[in-house]
Amino acid sequence: MARIALSSALAPYTDGVLEMELDVANVRQLFQVLGLRFPELRELLETGIAVAIDNEIYQDALLQPIARDSEVILISKIAGG
């Protein structure tokens, strides 16, 4: 199972849960599972989350695959300008 870590900024949406292991195939499936488990997080997942998979950051990552041994970190979206 992939190791999933959430930034501490997401703790209010997950009742403090910041780490878990999940068996998901891609980021879209990860977001679906997290949205079901943590309904308050659902809207933020759709609009304001960047994803790092094995130390590579993706801004629009829905179709990025997640291997069973991957480490995935969810962080607030990076703004540029």
Protein backbone atom coordinates (compact mmCIF):
# COMPACT_ATOMS: atom_id res chain seq x y z
CA MET A 1 0.00 0.00 0.00
CA ALA A 2 1.12 3.54 -0.71
CA ARG A 3 2.06 5.73 2.21
CA ILE A 4 -0.03 8.92 2.21
CA ALA A 5 1.01 11.98 4.22
CA LEU A 6 -0.98 15.19 4.50
CA SER A 7 0.48 18.57 5.40
CA SER A 8 -0.40 19.86 8.86
CA ALA A 9 -2.52 22.59 7.23
CA LEU A 10 -5.02 19.85 6.31
CA ALA A 11 -5.41 18.57 9.89
CA PRO A 12 -8.60 20.59 10.57
CA TYR A 13 -10.30 18.77 7.67
CA THR A 14 -9.22 15.27 8.75
CA ASP A 15 -9.74 15.34 12.53
CA GLY A 16 -5.98 15.46 12.90
CA VAL A 17 -5.21 12.39 10.79
CA LEU A 18 -2.11 13.18 8.74
CA GLU A 19 -0.76 9.76 7.75
CA MET A 20 -2.28 6.57 6.38
CA GLU A 21 -1.65 3.73 4.00
CA LEU A 22 -4.02 3.24 1.07
CA ASP A 23 -4.24 0.96 -1.94
CA VAL A 24 -5.07 3.37 -4.77
CA ALA A 25 -4.08 3.31 -8.46
CA ASN A 26 -3.90 7.05 -9.18
CA VAL A 27 -4.46 10.48 -7.67
CA ARG A 28 -8.11 10.64 -8.77
CA GLN A 29 -8.83 7.45 -6.85
CA LEU A 30 -6.86 8.76 -3.86
CA PHE A 31 -8.97 11.93 -3.83
CA GLN A 32 -12.18 9.87 -4.05
CA VAL A 33 -11.16 7.71 -1.09
CA LEU A 34 -10.08 10.72 0.97
CA GLY A 35 -13.25 12.62 0.09
CA LEU A 36 -15.39 9.74 1.34
CA ARG A 37 -13.34 9.33 4.50
CA PHE A 38 -13.07 13.07 5.21
CA PRO A 39 -16.07 14.91 3.67
CA GLU A 40 -14.83 18.32 4.86
CA LEU A 41 -11.69 17.81 2.78
CA ARG A 42 -13.55 17.06 -0.47
CA GLU A 43 -13.87 20.63 -1.80
CA LEU A 44 -10.25 21.44 -1.05
CA LEU A 45 -9.12 18.29 -2.88
CA GLU A 46 -10.90 19.54 -6.00
CA THR A 47 -9.36 23.02 -5.98
CA GLY A 48 -6.42 23.56 -3.68
CA ILE A 49 -4.10 20.58 -3.34
CA ALA A 50 -0.74 19.85 -4.92
CA VAL A 51 0.52 16.29 -4.88
CA ALA A 52 4.07 15.02 -4.50
CA ILE A 53 4.59 11.42 -5.57
CA ASP A 54 7.98 10.01 -4.71
CA ASN A 55 9.43 13.53 -4.33
CA GLU A 56 8.07 14.93 -7.61
CA ILE A 57 5.45 17.69 -7.26
CA TYR A 58 2.41 17.77 -9.55
CA GLN A 59 -0.09 20.65 -9.72
CA ASP A 60 -2.67 18.83 -11.87
CA ALA A 61 -2.11 15.23 -11.00
CA LEU A 62 -5.44 13.41 -11.26
CA LEU A 63 -4.20 10.83 -13.74
CA GLN A 64 -0.75 10.33 -12.20
CA PRO A 65 -0.28 6.69 -11.18
CA ILE A 66 0.51 5.75 -7.61
CA ALA A 67 2.59 2.62 -7.14
CA ARG A 68 2.02 0.34 -4.17
CA ASP A 69 5.37 1.39 -2.68
CA SER A 70 5.01 5.12 -3.40
CA GLU A 71 5.13 7.90 -0.88
CA VAL A 72 2.47 10.54 -1.61
CA ILE A 73 2.36 13.91 0.12
CA LEU A 74 -0.59 16.31 -0.18
CA ILE A 75 0.20 19.99 0.31
CA SER A 76 -1.54 23.30 -0.31
CA LYS A 77 -1.36 24.25 -3.97
CA ILE A 78 1.66 26.29 -4.94
CA ALA A 79 0.77 29.73 -6.28
CA GLY A 80 2.94 31.48 -8.82
CA GLY A 81 3.00 34.90 -10.22
